[in-house]
Each structure stands twice: as C-alpha cells, then as structure tokens.
Amino acid sequence: MTENAATLSPQGKKPKGETDSNGSGLYAAYHKVHPKKVSGLFRTLKNWAAIILLGIYVIGPWLRWDRGPGTPNQAILLDMEANRGYIFGIEIWPQEIYYLTGVLILGAIGLFFATALLGRVWCGFTCIQTVFTDVFVMVERLLEGDRNQRIKLDRGPMTAGKFVRKTIKVAIWTVISLITGWTWVIYFSDAPTATMDLLRGDSTWGMMGFALLVAGFTLVLAGWAREQVCIYMCPWPRFQASMYDEDSLVVTYEAWRGEPRGYAKKDTAFTDRGHCVDCTLCVQACPTGIDIRDGSQLACIGCGLCIDACNTVMDRFGLPRNLIAYDSNNNMIARTKGEPTKYRFVRPRTIIYAVLLTVVVAVMAVGLGTRSRLEVNILHERSPLFVALSDGSIRNGYTFKILNMAASEENYVVSVEGIPGATLRVIGYAETDVPSVDLPVKKDTVGTFRIYVTAPTASLKSNSTDMSFKLVNKATQEVRLQGTLFAGPAK
C-alpha cells in the first residue's frame, strides 16, 4: 500500500475529527456511494450468485418432503412447538444440538478455506449484505438512472418527480424487505398454513413482529447503510488478512504497468507512460467507493467490478486486459520482473483447511448414519433411596424415560440384569412383580414410566449394587443396556 493510501479512510477519503496540516478534521463526513453499472465476467457471476442464493432462500420453506402420517411435510423446518428440526430426510432433536455446532465449525473452516484460496469471495459474491444491497441498488438504478443521474437527482431540489421516484423506490424496497422477513419466519412454521393465516388476519403477533423485525433490518442495512455495514459493522474484514498468503487470489492493481497514469485520447501512444488513463471508472463501479489503485484496503470486498470496468477501458484503447486483476501477490511480483506466473492452490495452508473440512464432514456423516433413534434416561428416587419389604427384599423406585425418535410406535421389552432374582413392577402396565414388561412408546415422543425394582437381600453385594435395565425393541430386536445403581442397606 502506498503512503497516500495508508492515510485514507476505507472509502479513500480523508478521515475527519483529527486535524491535519490544513486544519481539517480526522473523520470525513459521509458521502453516499453511487455505484456505476458495469458488465463483464464478475458482474455476471454476482448476478448468478444472487439469483441462486435468493432462489434457495425464498423457495426453501415451500419445498415438501413426505415423512409419513402425523409428521410435518415441510422439507426445511425448525419446528419450535415440537422442539424439532427437519432438513429433508434428517430430523434433529434438542439433545442433538451438537450437530449445529458441527455445522458452524464446517461453515467457519469452509470460510477460512475459501479465503485462503480466493480472498474475500464470500464478501463479494455470497454475503447476505452484498446480495440484498445489489438488489436494492438495481431497483434504485431502474427508477433513478445510472450513477450520474442518481448523483444529479440527489443533489437537486425536491421536486414532484423526485418525490415520486424516491417514494416508489422505498415502497419496492419495503415490499422486498417484507417478503424477506416473512420468508424467514416460515422456516419456523408450516409455510402454507402460516401464510394463509396471515392473509386471513389470523397470524400471531409474535410471528408478525419477528417478520417486521427482519424486514426492518433488511430495509435499513441494504437500503441506506450498504457499504457502511461492510466497512464499519462487520468484524470479518478485521481478521481475514490472517488467512491470506502470497498465493491467495485478491483484487490487485498492476502499478508497474499502470503508472505513471494520466489522461489519454484514443490515439495516444503508450510507449513512455502507464496504461492507466485515470478515468476513475474503477472507483465509480466500486460498491464501497474505494480506489483500488491505492492498494489493498479493508473496504475492498473483492467483488471484481473494478476489473470489469477497467477491462472495458483497456478494450477501448486496444491495451491488454487485467490492469486490475484478480490474482495473487506472487504473480503480480513475477509479472513486474517479467517472470512466468503460476497458481499454487495446493499449499500447506489450504491442505490443512481441506483436511479439517474432510474430518468434520466425515465425523458428522458417521454420526448421522449410526445415531440411535432411542434415548433412555433413568432417575433414581432419592427419598427414600430404598424400602425394606416385609419378606426381607429391597425395593427401589425409578422414573424411566424412553425417547422414541423413530417415525412409528415402538414396543420395548424391559427387564433387569446384574441382580439375580430381581423383578419389575410398572405403574399402569404391570401391577405385580414380573421378570419383564412390555412398554409401548408412540412415535416422536417421550414415554415416561414409574418403575419399581425388587431384589432379594442375598443378591445385593453392598449398599450400592450395579445393575442395568435391558430394553429390546420387539420389532427390530435392537438391544439397549442402560446402567444404574440399586440402593440397599449397609452390609
């Protein structure tokens, strides 16, 4: 970065607040950025990224997935009432929240991996702030014209025409924001039912309030805050540089080729001067308003629109493209020296990230593929710990919970192991002492049972004897042993 660039704010303006040699302030007043419309490879990539991502977001809650009778048929649903999450064929219960941890770890490592390879590709193409800002700017451009027309309109007095344009623009932004907010809400409730309730006026205040909250943030952040979110609010630019190395692909200005810059006509000879004609189209196209010719900056989101803008100028003058390029620092140095360039995607940093991604994906896949659809929880009575019966035997009480995560009702044969001669009595199912008992549990529910275990004193080794409840699924013959303790008198 040049000395001049180091003294500029993220938007390439003199900071205001602290006085410089001319007596001006340290922090510059906010100046609205009016990005110019450009076309080219990176603009096309951004458009397709927005179409795909917004399409997935809007269509997602409307997709159906048959899970059988009595279960939600929404493909992606975070059911707050049932405390359940559904993602196509995967069902996540509250006690399996560790899968969410795995998803967050995957997202973090994937982001680090992408940054090491391609710089701020997330910020430039897939970040929700970038996508919605692009959509809102497109609406603004359709109603108010391109960059010069918008600047002229903003600087001009408030006329009837200006008021109508601004009003229609904000109205369209509001509609987009409301759709965005409602779409977010119906990921947590059945989409058709919730939407029909809204149209009939039967929607709950909670749902409408949350939808309006999301809509409000969308409207403010994408409509007015825009690049301020990327520059000042988002923490990601502050530590992303630690993931770069000399082979990471970033947006770079080839100063060795562009300088000294200056105005040029179409028939200008470029033998004794740089290729940069100082048209500032790269600055005009930038959604954050920076000048990439000042070097790498925190506010550069790596979208590449400055490359598209510069390439159109190079084509006009018959000069080689990529004066501003999406390339690595090593390649830029190599071209400066006239040496061959190469792309090193496989290097220690990227290998580590790739290995970590593979390990986390493998662990989660194995966990999902082998996880049990049965959970058992046993709570021993503490008051009293045991009861001595008239025949000399000892009885313990337990609260026995069986979580059946299968999509059908299951029956389990429950018995006791570890204590010879032990018998069971289950309130509502077995009113006399028996060696085993059948316990039915409905699908997707927790069956709670009151179990009393009776054991002869001679079978007890001490005041605390290890024992296990054995559960056998009558349909699948799957066996589950759940250990616990049997309390008795001191010996």
Protein backbone atom coordinates (compact mmCIF):
# COMPACT_ATOMS: atom_id res chain seq x y z
CA MET A 1 0.00 0.00 0.00
CA THR A 2 1.27 3.45 -0.87
CA GLU A 3 1.95 6.07 1.76
CA ASN A 4 -1.03 8.05 0.47
CA ALA A 5 -3.35 5.06 0.73
CA ALA A 6 -2.34 4.41 4.31
CA THR A 7 -3.63 7.82 5.36
CA LEU A 8 -7.03 7.39 3.75
CA SER A 9 -10.22 6.09 5.27
CA PRO A 10 -11.66 2.80 3.99
CA GLN A 11 -13.55 4.75 1.34
CA GLY A 12 -10.46 6.59 0.19
CA LYS A 13 -11.45 9.87 1.86
CA LYS A 14 -9.58 11.98 4.36
CA PRO A 15 -10.71 11.00 7.87
CA LYS A 16 -12.47 13.62 9.94
CA GLY A 17 -12.08 14.62 13.58
CA GLU A 18 -8.30 14.87 13.96
CA THR A 19 -6.90 17.95 12.27
CA ASP A 20 -4.22 17.62 9.62
CA SER A 21 -1.77 20.26 8.37
CA ASN A 22 -4.63 22.08 6.67
CA GLY A 23 -6.79 22.13 9.79
CA SER A 24 -9.41 19.66 8.53
CA GLY A 25 -10.99 17.03 10.80
CA LEU A 26 -9.99 13.40 11.33
CA TYR A 27 -13.33 11.81 10.31
CA ALA A 28 -14.77 12.68 6.91
CA ALA A 29 -18.47 13.35 6.56
CA TYR A 30 -20.41 10.50 4.98
CA HIS A 31 -20.70 10.65 1.20
CA LYS A 32 -23.24 8.36 -0.43
CA VAL A 33 -21.71 5.85 -2.84
CA HIS A 34 -23.44 5.64 -6.22
CA PRO A 35 -22.03 2.51 -7.93
CA LYS A 36 -21.93 2.72 -11.71
CA LYS A 37 -23.46 -0.09 -13.75
CA VAL A 38 -20.83 -2.27 -15.43
CA SER A 39 -20.93 -5.53 -17.34
CA GLY A 40 -18.42 -8.32 -17.58
CA LEU A 41 -17.41 -11.62 -16.04
CA PHE A 42 -17.60 -10.59 -12.38
CA ARG A 43 -20.90 -8.76 -12.78
CA THR A 44 -22.34 -11.91 -14.38
CA LEU A 45 -21.01 -14.08 -11.56
CA LYS A 46 -22.55 -11.74 -8.97
CA ASN A 47 -25.90 -11.80 -10.77
CA TRP A 48 -26.00 -15.59 -10.89
CA ALA A 49 -24.89 -15.87 -7.27
CA ALA A 50 -27.74 -13.56 -6.22
CA ILE A 51 -30.32 -15.45 -8.31
CA ILE A 52 -29.27 -18.84 -6.92
CA LEU A 53 -28.98 -17.75 -3.29
CA LEU A 54 -32.21 -15.75 -3.22
CA GLY A 55 -33.96 -18.56 -5.07
CA ILE A 56 -32.86 -21.09 -2.46
CA TYR A 57 -33.89 -18.76 0.37
CA VAL A 58 -37.36 -17.95 -0.97
CA ILE A 59 -38.23 -21.43 -2.29
CA GLY A 60 -36.73 -23.35 0.68
CA PRO A 61 -39.71 -23.25 3.09
CA TRP A 62 -42.18 -24.17 0.32
CA LEU A 63 -40.47 -27.44 -0.59
CA ARG A 64 -42.33 -30.54 0.60
CA TRP A 65 -40.91 -33.79 2.00
CA ASP A 66 -43.06 -36.80 2.86
CA ARG A 67 -42.21 -38.12 6.33
CA GLY A 68 -45.30 -40.21 6.82
CA PRO A 69 -48.65 -39.51 8.54
CA GLY A 70 -48.68 -37.22 11.54
CA THR A 71 -45.35 -35.57 10.80
CA PRO A 72 -44.59 -32.21 9.11
CA ASN A 73 -44.13 -32.41 5.35
CA GLN A 74 -42.06 -29.22 5.04
CA ALA A 75 -38.61 -30.07 3.69
CA ILE A 76 -36.78 -27.48 5.82
CA LEU A 77 -38.47 -26.68 9.11
CA LEU A 78 -37.32 -25.62 12.56
CA ASP A 79 -40.44 -26.61 14.49
CA MET A 80 -40.35 -24.54 17.68
CA GLU A 81 -43.56 -26.08 19.07
CA ALA A 82 -42.34 -29.66 18.73
CA ASN A 83 -38.72 -28.74 19.54
CA ARG A 84 -37.59 -30.44 16.38
CA GLY A 85 -35.57 -29.54 13.30
CA TYR A 86 -36.17 -31.10 9.86
CA ILE A 87 -33.82 -30.84 6.91
CA PHE A 88 -35.19 -33.09 4.17
CA GLY A 89 -34.64 -36.64 5.48
CA ILE A 90 -32.73 -35.56 8.60
CA GLU A 91 -34.54 -34.99 11.89
CA ILE A 92 -32.70 -33.19 14.69
CA TRP A 93 -33.84 -33.30 18.33
CA PRO A 94 -32.93 -30.72 21.02
CA GLN A 95 -30.41 -33.08 22.65
CA GLU A 96 -28.65 -33.35 19.28
CA ILE A 97 -27.76 -29.66 19.24
CA TYR A 98 -24.13 -30.69 18.83
CA TYR A 99 -24.89 -31.16 15.12
CA LEU A 100 -25.48 -27.41 14.96
CA THR A 101 -22.01 -26.98 16.44
CA GLY A 102 -20.67 -29.18 13.66
CA VAL A 103 -22.43 -27.09 11.01
CA LEU A 104 -20.97 -23.88 12.48
CA ILE A 105 -17.49 -25.42 12.53
CA LEU A 106 -17.94 -26.52 8.91
CA GLY A 107 -19.02 -23.01 7.95
CA ALA A 108 -16.04 -21.41 9.70
CA ILE A 109 -13.46 -23.77 8.21
CA GLY A 110 -15.09 -23.51 4.78
CA LEU A 111 -14.90 -19.72 5.01
CA PHE A 112 -11.23 -19.87 6.01
CA PHE A 113 -10.53 -22.28 3.15
CA ALA A 114 -12.28 -20.09 0.57
CA THR A 115 -10.48 -17.00 1.85
CA ALA A 116 -7.07 -18.66 1.65
CA LEU A 117 -7.79 -19.62 -1.96
CA LEU A 118 -9.86 -16.74 -3.34
CA GLY A 119 -9.63 -13.86 -0.87
CA ARG A 120 -12.91 -12.14 0.06
CA VAL A 121 -15.03 -14.23 -2.31
CA TRP A 122 -17.66 -14.61 0.43
CA CYS A 123 -17.98 -10.85 0.89
CA GLY A 124 -18.05 -10.07 -2.80
CA PHE A 125 -20.48 -12.70 -4.02
CA THR A 126 -22.42 -14.59 -1.33
CA CYS A 127 -22.74 -12.44 1.80
CA ILE A 128 -26.38 -11.62 2.55
CA GLN A 129 -25.49 -7.92 2.86
CA THR A 130 -23.86 -7.93 -0.59
CA VAL A 131 -26.72 -9.80 -2.24
CA PHE A 132 -29.50 -7.59 -0.87
CA THR A 133 -27.52 -4.40 -1.47
CA ASP A 134 -27.14 -5.43 -5.13
CA VAL A 135 -30.90 -5.98 -5.39
CA PHE A 136 -31.71 -2.63 -3.78
CA VAL A 137 -29.20 -0.77 -5.97
CA MET A 138 -30.74 -2.43 -9.04
CA VAL A 139 -34.17 -1.07 -8.03
CA GLU A 140 -32.65 2.36 -7.42
CA ARG A 141 -30.94 2.30 -10.80
CA LEU A 142 -34.16 1.36 -12.62
CA LEU A 143 -36.06 4.28 -11.08
CA GLU A 144 -33.38 6.97 -10.81
CA GLY A 145 -30.94 6.12 -13.59
CA ASP A 146 -27.24 5.24 -13.53
CA ARG A 147 -24.56 6.85 -11.39
CA ASN A 148 -24.51 10.38 -12.89
CA GLN A 149 -28.30 10.63 -12.99
CA ARG A 150 -28.60 9.48 -9.37
CA ILE A 151 -25.96 11.95 -8.19
CA LYS A 152 -27.70 14.79 -10.03
CA LEU A 153 -31.08 13.75 -8.62
CA ASP A 154 -29.78 13.58 -5.04
CA ARG A 155 -28.11 16.99 -5.30
CA GLY A 156 -31.13 18.65 -6.86
CA PRO A 157 -34.09 20.21 -5.04
CA MET A 158 -37.10 18.15 -4.00
CA THR A 159 -39.49 18.25 -6.92
CA ALA A 160 -42.70 16.30 -7.51
CA GLY A 161 -40.87 13.94 -9.89
CA LYS A 162 -38.07 13.34 -7.41
CA PHE A 163 -40.53 12.72 -4.59
CA VAL A 164 -42.49 10.20 -6.66
CA ARG A 165 -39.32 8.32 -7.69
CA LYS A 166 -37.97 8.20 -4.16
CA THR A 167 -41.34 7.09 -2.78
CA ILE A 168 -41.77 4.30 -5.32
CA LYS A 169 -38.19 3.17 -4.68
CA VAL A 170 -38.69 2.93 -0.93
CA ALA A 171 -42.04 1.21 -1.46
CA ILE A 172 -40.41 -1.50 -3.60
CA TRP A 173 -37.59 -1.85 -1.06
CA THR A 174 -40.21 -2.26 1.65
CA VAL A 175 -42.06 -4.98 -0.28
CA ILE A 176 -38.79 -6.87 -0.84
CA SER A 177 -37.95 -6.49 2.85
CA LEU A 178 -41.37 -7.73 3.96
CA ILE A 179 -41.09 -10.78 1.72
CA THR A 180 -37.64 -11.41 3.17
CA GLY A 181 -38.90 -11.09 6.75
CA TRP A 182 -41.91 -13.34 6.21
CA THR A 183 -39.79 -15.96 4.41
CA TRP A 184 -37.50 -16.10 7.45
CA VAL A 185 -40.48 -16.63 9.77
CA ILE A 186 -41.99 -19.51 7.78
CA TYR A 187 -38.80 -21.52 8.17
CA PHE A 188 -40.07 -21.91 11.75
CA SER A 189 -43.68 -22.77 10.91
CA ASP A 190 -45.58 -24.60 8.17
CA ALA A 191 -45.28 -22.16 5.25
CA PRO A 192 -48.72 -22.62 3.55
CA THR A 193 -50.62 -22.64 6.86
CA ALA A 194 -48.80 -19.63 8.30
CA THR A 195 -49.19 -17.63 5.07
CA MET A 196 -52.91 -18.37 4.84
CA ASP A 197 -53.27 -17.30 8.47
CA LEU A 198 -51.51 -14.05 7.61
CA LEU A 199 -53.79 -13.40 4.62
CA ARG A 200 -56.88 -14.07 6.79
CA GLY A 201 -55.55 -11.84 9.56
CA ASP A 202 -55.16 -14.75 11.97
CA SER A 203 -51.38 -14.66 12.26
CA THR A 204 -49.94 -14.29 15.76
CA TRP A 205 -48.37 -11.03 16.93
CA GLY A 206 -45.16 -12.91 17.61
CA MET A 207 -44.78 -14.07 14.02
CA MET A 208 -45.70 -10.71 12.56
CA GLY A 209 -43.42 -8.89 14.97
CA PHE A 210 -40.44 -11.07 14.16
CA ALA A 211 -41.13 -10.77 10.42
CA LEU A 212 -41.25 -6.98 10.74
CA LEU A 213 -38.00 -7.01 12.74
CA VAL A 214 -36.17 -8.93 10.00
CA ALA A 215 -37.79 -6.75 7.33
CA GLY A 216 -36.72 -3.59 9.15
CA PHE A 217 -33.10 -4.71 9.34
CA THR A 218 -33.15 -5.66 5.65
CA LEU A 219 -34.58 -2.29 4.66
CA VAL A 220 -32.14 -0.22 6.71
CA LEU A 221 -28.97 -2.23 6.07
CA ALA A 222 -29.45 -2.84 2.34
CA GLY A 223 -31.28 0.40 1.54
CA TRP A 224 -29.26 3.00 3.42
CA ALA A 225 -26.36 1.54 5.41
CA ARG A 226 -24.97 -0.51 2.50
CA GLU A 227 -21.19 -0.27 2.38
CA GLN A 228 -21.11 1.09 5.94
CA VAL A 229 -22.02 -2.41 7.15
CA CYS A 230 -19.04 -3.91 5.32
CA ILE A 231 -16.61 -1.22 6.42
CA TYR A 232 -17.60 -0.47 10.00
CA MET A 233 -20.07 -3.04 11.33
CA CYS A 234 -18.79 -6.39 10.02
CA PRO A 235 -15.92 -7.92 12.03
CA TRP A 236 -14.80 -10.23 9.21
CA PRO A 237 -12.50 -7.72 7.40
CA ARG A 238 -10.62 -7.13 10.67
CA PHE A 239 -9.10 -10.61 10.84
CA GLN A 240 -9.42 -12.03 7.33
CA ALA A 241 -5.90 -10.88 6.44
CA SER A 242 -4.51 -13.56 8.77
CA MET A 243 -5.88 -16.17 6.32
CA TYR A 244 -4.20 -14.70 3.27
CA ASP A 245 -0.78 -15.57 1.98
CA GLU A 246 1.21 -14.54 -1.09
CA ASP A 247 -0.68 -17.05 -3.27
CA SER A 248 -4.23 -16.06 -2.26
CA LEU A 249 -6.19 -14.57 -5.14
CA VAL A 250 -7.23 -10.98 -4.44
CA VAL A 251 -8.12 -7.89 -6.46
CA THR A 252 -4.85 -6.13 -7.35
CA TYR A 253 -3.80 -3.11 -9.37
CA GLU A 254 -0.76 -3.71 -11.58
CA ALA A 255 1.02 -0.46 -10.69
CA TRP A 256 4.17 -1.48 -12.58
CA ARG A 257 2.11 -1.41 -15.76
CA GLY A 258 -0.36 1.36 -14.98
CA GLU A 259 1.98 4.08 -13.71
CA PRO A 260 2.58 6.87 -14.41
CA ARG A 261 -1.13 7.32 -15.08
CA GLY A 262 -2.75 10.21 -16.92
CA TYR A 263 -5.47 11.32 -19.28
CA ALA A 264 -5.31 9.80 -22.77
CA LYS A 265 -7.15 10.02 -26.07
CA LYS A 266 -7.93 7.03 -28.23
CA ASP A 267 -4.89 7.57 -30.47
CA THR A 268 -2.49 8.13 -27.56
CA ALA A 269 0.83 6.27 -27.72
CA PHE A 270 1.55 4.32 -24.52
CA THR A 271 5.26 3.73 -25.09
CA ASP A 272 6.53 6.19 -22.48
CA ARG A 273 3.67 6.17 -19.99
CA GLY A 274 1.45 3.85 -17.96
CA HIS A 275 -1.67 2.16 -19.26
CA CYS A 276 -3.93 3.72 -16.63
CA VAL A 277 -5.80 6.61 -18.27
CA ASP A 278 -7.09 7.88 -14.90
CA CYS A 279 -10.73 7.58 -15.98
CA THR A 280 -11.74 6.56 -12.41
CA LEU A 281 -14.27 4.06 -13.75
CA CYS A 282 -12.84 1.53 -11.27
CA VAL A 283 -13.78 3.89 -8.44
CA GLN A 284 -17.22 4.64 -9.89
CA ALA A 285 -18.04 0.93 -10.21
CA CYS A 286 -16.91 0.05 -6.68
CA PRO A 287 -19.84 -0.65 -4.32
CA THR A 288 -17.81 0.61 -1.35
CA GLY A 289 -16.38 3.66 -3.19
CA ILE A 290 -12.66 2.91 -2.82
CA ASP A 291 -9.82 3.41 -5.29
CA ILE A 292 -8.13 0.04 -5.75
CA ARG A 293 -5.13 1.84 -7.26
CA ASP A 294 -4.22 2.93 -3.72
CA GLY A 295 -3.51 -0.70 -2.84
CA SER A 296 -5.25 -3.36 -0.79
CA GLN A 297 -7.77 -1.87 1.61
CA LEU A 298 -10.09 -3.07 4.35
CA ALA A 299 -13.14 -1.80 2.43
CA CYS A 300 -12.41 -3.86 -0.70
CA ILE A 301 -14.93 -6.72 -0.71
CA GLY A 302 -13.26 -8.50 -3.64
CA CYS A 303 -16.29 -8.35 -5.95
CA GLY A 304 -14.16 -7.65 -9.05
CA LEU A 305 -16.47 -5.00 -10.54
CA CYS A 306 -13.49 -2.66 -10.86
CA ILE A 307 -11.88 -5.32 -13.08
CA ASP A 308 -14.92 -5.36 -15.37
CA ALA A 309 -14.90 -1.55 -15.55
CA CYS A 310 -11.16 -1.34 -16.27
CA ASN A 311 -11.27 -4.08 -18.91
CA THR A 312 -13.83 -2.12 -20.94
CA VAL A 313 -11.40 0.83 -20.98
CA MET A 314 -8.45 -1.37 -21.94
CA ASP A 315 -10.50 -2.80 -24.82
CA ARG A 316 -11.34 0.72 -25.98
CA PHE A 317 -7.65 1.65 -26.16
CA GLY A 318 -6.52 -1.69 -27.57
CA LEU A 319 -4.44 -2.44 -24.47
CA PRO A 320 -4.05 -5.79 -22.70
CA ARG A 321 -6.77 -6.57 -20.20
CA ASN A 322 -6.37 -7.06 -16.44
CA LEU A 323 -4.61 -3.87 -15.50
CA ILE A 324 -6.72 -4.51 -12.44
CA ALA A 325 -6.67 -8.26 -11.93
CA TYR A 326 -7.94 -11.00 -9.67
CA ASP A 327 -4.58 -12.52 -8.93
CA SER A 328 -2.02 -13.38 -6.28
CA ASN A 329 0.68 -11.13 -4.89
CA ASN A 330 3.36 -13.57 -6.08
CA ASN A 331 2.07 -13.42 -9.64
CA MET A 332 1.96 -9.64 -9.57
CA ILE A 333 5.60 -9.56 -8.45
CA ALA A 334 6.54 -12.12 -11.11
CA ARG A 335 4.97 -10.02 -13.88
CA THR A 336 6.80 -6.96 -12.57
CA LYS A 337 10.06 -8.84 -13.13
CA GLY A 338 8.96 -10.37 -16.42
CA GLU A 339 8.96 -13.86 -14.94
CA PRO A 340 6.36 -16.61 -15.63
CA THR A 341 3.34 -16.78 -13.32
CA LYS A 342 1.77 -19.80 -11.66
CA TYR A 343 -1.16 -20.56 -9.41
CA ARG A 344 -0.48 -22.55 -6.25
CA PHE A 345 -3.81 -23.76 -4.92
CA VAL A 346 -2.22 -26.71 -3.13
CA ARG A 347 -0.06 -25.42 -0.31
CA PRO A 348 0.25 -26.10 3.44
CA ARG A 349 -2.45 -23.63 4.46
CA THR A 350 -5.06 -24.97 2.04
CA ILE A 351 -4.12 -28.59 2.74
CA ILE A 352 -4.74 -28.07 6.47
CA TYR A 353 -8.13 -26.48 5.84
CA ALA A 354 -9.09 -29.23 3.38
CA VAL A 355 -8.11 -31.96 5.85
CA LEU A 356 -10.08 -30.27 8.65
CA LEU A 357 -13.12 -29.97 6.40
CA THR A 358 -12.89 -33.63 5.44
CA VAL A 359 -12.55 -34.76 9.06
CA VAL A 360 -15.52 -32.69 10.27
CA VAL A 361 -17.71 -33.84 7.37
CA ALA A 362 -16.72 -37.47 7.98
CA VAL A 363 -17.44 -37.23 11.71
CA MET A 364 -20.85 -35.68 11.12
CA ALA A 365 -21.73 -38.17 8.37
CA VAL A 366 -20.77 -41.14 10.55
CA GLY A 367 -22.64 -39.65 13.50
CA LEU A 368 -25.81 -39.13 11.45
CA GLY A 369 -25.56 -42.53 9.82
CA THR A 370 -25.03 -44.50 13.02
CA ARG A 371 -27.02 -42.47 15.56
CA SER A 372 -29.57 -44.36 17.61
CA ARG A 373 -33.25 -43.49 17.34
CA LEU A 374 -33.63 -44.37 21.01
CA GLU A 375 -32.64 -42.42 24.09
CA VAL A 376 -33.12 -43.67 27.68
CA ASN A 377 -32.97 -41.60 30.84
CA ILE A 378 -33.23 -43.09 34.35
CA LEU A 379 -33.77 -41.08 37.52
CA HIS A 380 -33.38 -42.95 40.82
CA GLU A 381 -35.69 -41.98 43.66
CA ARG A 382 -33.79 -40.27 46.46
CA SER A 383 -36.42 -40.06 49.18
CA PRO A 384 -36.31 -42.77 50.24
CA LEU A 385 -33.39 -44.46 48.48
CA PHE A 386 -34.89 -47.88 49.19
CA VAL A 387 -37.73 -49.59 51.05
CA ALA A 388 -37.39 -52.85 53.02
CA LEU A 389 -40.41 -55.10 52.39
CA SER A 390 -41.98 -57.50 54.91
CA ASP A 391 -40.42 -60.54 53.21
CA GLY A 392 -36.93 -59.06 53.64
CA SER A 393 -36.49 -58.00 49.99
CA ILE A 394 -35.47 -54.45 48.98
CA ARG A 395 -37.36 -52.18 46.59
CA ASN A 396 -36.04 -49.18 44.63
CA GLY A 397 -38.10 -46.70 42.62
CA TYR A 398 -37.11 -45.17 39.26
CA THR A 399 -38.53 -42.62 36.83
CA PHE A 400 -37.87 -44.25 33.48
CA LYS A 401 -37.98 -42.15 30.29
CA ILE A 402 -37.78 -43.62 26.78
CA LEU A 403 -37.39 -41.20 23.86
CA ASN A 404 -38.58 -42.86 20.65
CA MET A 405 -37.16 -40.86 17.72
CA ALA A 406 -38.48 -43.32 15.12
CA ALA A 407 -41.35 -42.44 12.79
CA SER A 408 -43.52 -45.28 14.16
CA GLU A 409 -44.76 -46.51 17.54
CA GLU A 410 -42.31 -48.94 19.16
CA ASN A 411 -42.74 -51.58 21.84
CA TYR A 412 -39.86 -52.40 24.18
CA VAL A 413 -39.41 -55.43 26.45
CA VAL A 414 -37.79 -54.13 29.65
CA SER A 415 -36.02 -56.38 32.16
CA VAL A 416 -33.30 -56.13 34.83
CA GLU A 417 -29.77 -57.53 34.58
CA GLY A 418 -26.96 -57.64 37.15
CA ILE A 419 -29.05 -58.62 40.18
CA PRO A 420 -30.19 -62.28 40.33
CA GLY A 421 -33.87 -62.68 41.17
CA ALA A 422 -34.77 -59.02 40.57
CA THR A 423 -38.31 -58.30 39.38
CA LEU A 424 -40.20 -55.30 37.97
CA ARG A 425 -43.42 -53.54 38.72
CA VAL A 426 -44.54 -50.72 36.37
CA ILE A 427 -47.43 -48.45 37.36
CA GLY A 428 -50.21 -48.80 34.79
CA TYR A 429 -48.55 -51.69 32.94
CA ALA A 430 -47.57 -54.37 35.47
CA GLU A 431 -49.18 -54.15 38.90
CA THR A 432 -47.43 -57.32 40.19
CA ASP A 433 -43.74 -58.22 40.26
CA VAL A 434 -42.71 -59.75 36.91
CA PRO A 435 -39.33 -60.56 35.31
CA SER A 436 -40.05 -58.36 32.27
CA VAL A 437 -42.70 -55.98 30.95
CA ASP A 438 -43.76 -54.58 27.56
CA LEU A 439 -43.69 -50.77 27.32
CA PRO A 440 -45.16 -49.04 24.25
CA VAL A 441 -43.87 -45.62 23.18
CA LYS A 442 -45.57 -43.56 20.48
CA LYS A 443 -43.52 -42.16 17.60
CA ASP A 444 -41.58 -38.95 18.15
CA THR A 445 -42.46 -38.81 21.83
CA VAL A 446 -41.01 -39.42 25.27
CA GLY A 447 -42.60 -42.26 27.21
CA THR A 448 -42.40 -41.72 30.99
CA PHE A 449 -42.87 -44.72 33.30
CA ARG A 450 -42.80 -45.30 37.05
CA ILE A 451 -40.80 -48.50 37.68
CA TYR A 452 -40.19 -50.31 40.96
CA VAL A 453 -37.42 -52.93 41.10
CA THR A 454 -37.49 -55.55 43.89
CA ALA A 455 -34.42 -57.65 44.71
CA PRO A 456 -33.67 -60.29 47.37
CA THR A 457 -31.21 -59.11 50.03
CA ALA A 458 -28.92 -62.06 49.29
CA SER A 459 -28.36 -60.74 45.72
CA LEU A 460 -27.05 -57.38 46.96
CA LYS A 461 -23.30 -57.10 47.39
CA SER A 462 -23.26 -53.79 49.25
CA ASN A 463 -25.35 -50.73 49.92
CA SER A 464 -24.91 -49.79 46.23
CA THR A 465 -25.10 -52.53 43.60
CA ASP A 466 -24.56 -52.04 39.87
CA MET A 467 -27.49 -53.09 37.70
CA SER A 468 -28.77 -52.46 34.17
CA PHE A 469 -32.14 -52.10 32.52
CA LYS A 470 -32.28 -54.12 29.33
CA LEU A 471 -34.51 -52.83 26.52
CA VAL A 472 -35.29 -55.00 23.50
CA ASN A 473 -37.14 -53.48 20.55
CA LYS A 474 -39.77 -56.09 19.69
CA ALA A 475 -39.84 -55.09 16.01
CA THR A 476 -36.13 -54.78 15.27
CA GLN A 477 -34.68 -56.86 18.15
CA GLU A 478 -32.29 -53.97 18.83
CA VAL A 479 -30.89 -54.30 22.37
CA ARG A 480 -30.07 -51.39 24.66
CA LEU A 481 -28.48 -51.69 28.13
CA GLN A 482 -28.78 -48.69 30.45
CA GLY A 483 -26.77 -48.86 33.65
CA THR A 484 -27.83 -47.53 37.04
CA LEU A 485 -27.48 -48.33 40.76
CA PHE A 486 -29.63 -50.28 43.19
CA ALA A 487 -29.53 -48.99 46.75
CA GLY A 488 -29.81 -51.22 49.82
CA PRO A 489 -28.91 -51.40 53.49
CA ALA A 490 -25.26 -51.26 54.53
CA LYS A 491 -23.51 -54.62 54.85
